[in-house]
Amino acid sequence: QVYLVESVGGFVQDGGSLRLSCAASGPTTNYATAWFRQDPGKEREFVAAIIWSGAMTNYAESVKGRFTISKDVAKNTVYLQMNRLKPEHTAVYYCGATTAIIGGTTSNVEDYDYWGQGNQVTVSS
């Protein structure tokens, strides 16, 4: 069983920054980790992913150049640095873990086996 514990989300103003973290425990070898966002009444939407070693990343087009996913392998913790936030980035953010693609990542929410508890990120205008 893999457990994912996310940091508390936050409230920031338009243009601000926020860093989310996702600490994993359990048998996480070869797991890729990703961040998804979810708006009320909508499906989870892919944001960014990183492979187990941290050597490869993948981003949704909408966040390229604005968000950065990284990993501290020693701490088995994945981070999502979100810069120049806008009100449209307001959502609940979840981290997920998958072994669907060994050595790679996937943006398909159905490929993810384990999820963190989710945290609200609110960006005010």
Protein backbone atom coordinates (compact mmCIF):
# COMPACT_ATOMS: atom_id res chain seq x y z
CA GLN A 1 0.00 0.00 0.00
CA VAL A 2 1.30 3.40 -0.99
CA TYR A 3 0.34 6.42 1.08
CA LEU A 4 0.47 9.98 -0.19
CA VAL A 5 0.27 12.89 2.22
CA GLU A 6 -0.07 16.36 0.78
CA SER A 7 0.84 19.64 2.34
CA VAL A 8 -1.92 22.08 3.14
CA GLY A 9 -2.99 24.17 0.15
CA GLY A 10 -3.28 27.87 0.45
CA PHE A 11 -4.76 31.22 -0.39
CA VAL A 12 -2.77 33.59 -2.54
CA GLN A 13 -3.40 36.73 -4.50
CA ASP A 14 -3.31 37.04 -8.26
CA GLY A 15 0.33 36.82 -9.39
CA GLY A 16 1.48 35.07 -6.25
CA SER A 17 3.28 31.76 -5.79
CA LEU A 18 2.62 28.60 -3.85
CA ARG A 19 4.45 25.31 -3.42
CA LEU A 20 2.58 22.07 -2.80
CA SER A 21 4.26 18.93 -1.52
CA CYS A 22 3.33 15.26 -1.65
CA ALA A 23 5.19 12.85 0.64
CA ALA A 24 5.00 9.17 -0.29
CA SER A 25 5.48 6.13 1.90
CA GLY A 26 5.26 2.42 1.27
CA PRO A 27 6.59 0.44 -1.72
CA THR A 28 7.02 3.37 -4.10
CA THR A 29 9.83 2.03 -6.31
CA ASN A 30 9.06 2.70 -10.00
CA TYR A 31 6.04 4.84 -9.15
CA ALA A 32 5.52 7.99 -11.16
CA THR A 33 3.82 10.82 -9.31
CA ALA A 34 1.56 13.46 -10.76
CA TRP A 35 -0.50 16.45 -9.77
CA PHE A 36 -4.08 16.83 -10.91
CA ARG A 37 -6.58 19.58 -10.28
CA GLN A 38 -10.31 19.27 -9.86
CA ASP A 39 -13.01 21.90 -10.10
CA PRO A 40 -16.44 21.32 -8.51
CA GLY A 41 -18.54 19.00 -10.63
CA LYS A 42 -15.72 18.27 -13.06
CA GLU A 43 -13.26 15.45 -13.59
CA ARG A 44 -9.69 15.59 -12.40
CA GLU A 45 -7.42 17.30 -14.87
CA PHE A 46 -3.76 16.54 -15.38
CA VAL A 47 -1.27 19.22 -14.35
CA ALA A 48 2.21 17.68 -14.21
CA ALA A 49 4.00 14.37 -13.61
CA ILE A 50 7.46 13.13 -12.71
CA ILE A 51 9.03 9.70 -12.85
CA TRP A 52 10.34 7.89 -9.78
CA SER A 53 13.95 9.02 -10.24
CA GLY A 54 12.95 12.61 -10.94
CA ALA A 55 14.80 12.54 -14.27
CA MET A 56 11.76 13.03 -16.52
CA THR A 57 8.80 15.37 -16.25
CA ASN A 58 5.64 16.07 -18.20
CA TYR A 59 3.33 19.08 -18.08
CA ALA A 60 -0.07 20.10 -19.30
CA GLU A 61 0.33 22.77 -21.97
CA SER A 62 -1.58 25.26 -19.86
CA VAL A 63 1.00 25.26 -17.07
CA LYS A 64 4.27 25.03 -18.99
CA GLY A 65 6.58 27.82 -17.95
CA ARG A 66 4.46 28.65 -14.93
CA PHE A 67 4.49 25.45 -12.82
CA THR A 68 7.46 23.23 -11.99
CA ILE A 69 7.31 19.69 -10.67
CA SER A 70 10.33 18.31 -8.84
CA LYS A 71 11.27 15.51 -6.51
CA ASP A 72 13.50 15.05 -3.49
CA VAL A 73 14.32 11.37 -3.95
CA ALA A 74 15.89 11.04 -0.50
CA LYS A 75 12.67 12.31 1.11
CA ASN A 76 10.42 10.58 -1.44
CA THR A 77 8.57 13.85 -1.75
CA VAL A 78 7.27 15.51 -4.90
CA TYR A 79 6.74 19.26 -5.11
CA LEU A 80 4.68 21.48 -7.37
CA GLN A 81 5.97 25.02 -7.52
CA MET A 82 3.23 27.27 -8.88
CA ASN A 83 4.24 30.76 -9.97
CA ARG A 84 2.31 33.70 -11.40
CA LEU A 85 -0.92 32.19 -10.21
CA LYS A 86 -4.22 33.40 -11.62
CA PRO A 87 -7.76 33.03 -10.32
CA GLU A 88 -8.37 30.29 -12.90
CA HIS A 89 -5.82 28.16 -11.07
CA THR A 90 -8.21 27.92 -8.13
CA ALA A 91 -9.07 24.26 -7.59
CA VAL A 92 -8.51 21.28 -5.35
CA TYR A 93 -5.11 19.81 -6.17
CA TYR A 94 -4.40 16.09 -5.75
CA CYS A 95 -1.22 14.11 -6.07
CA GLY A 96 -1.42 10.61 -7.48
CA ALA A 97 0.95 7.68 -7.92
CA THR A 98 1.07 5.06 -10.68
CA THR A 99 3.16 2.24 -12.08
CA ALA A 100 1.21 2.22 -15.34
CA ILE A 101 4.28 3.17 -17.36
CA ILE A 102 7.62 2.01 -15.95
CA GLY A 103 10.19 4.72 -16.51
CA GLY A 104 7.62 7.12 -17.90
CA THR A 105 4.60 9.20 -16.99
CA THR A 106 0.95 9.29 -17.92
CA SER A 107 -1.61 12.08 -17.91
CA ASN A 108 -4.55 9.67 -17.76
CA VAL A 109 -6.29 9.95 -14.39
CA GLU A 110 -7.49 6.36 -14.65
CA ASP A 111 -3.91 5.11 -14.61
CA TYR A 112 -3.33 6.38 -11.08
CA ASP A 113 -3.72 3.87 -8.28
CA TYR A 114 -3.16 5.99 -5.18
CA TRP A 115 -4.18 9.50 -4.27
CA GLY A 116 -3.42 12.10 -1.65
CA GLN A 117 -6.17 13.75 0.33
CA GLY A 118 -6.39 16.81 -1.91
CA ASN A 119 -5.97 20.42 -0.91
CA GLN A 120 -7.73 23.60 -1.84
CA VAL A 121 -5.73 26.26 -3.63
CA THR A 122 -7.48 29.59 -3.94
CA VAL A 123 -6.17 32.50 -5.97
CA SER A 124 -7.94 35.77 -5.40
CA SER A 125 -8.25 38.49 -8.02
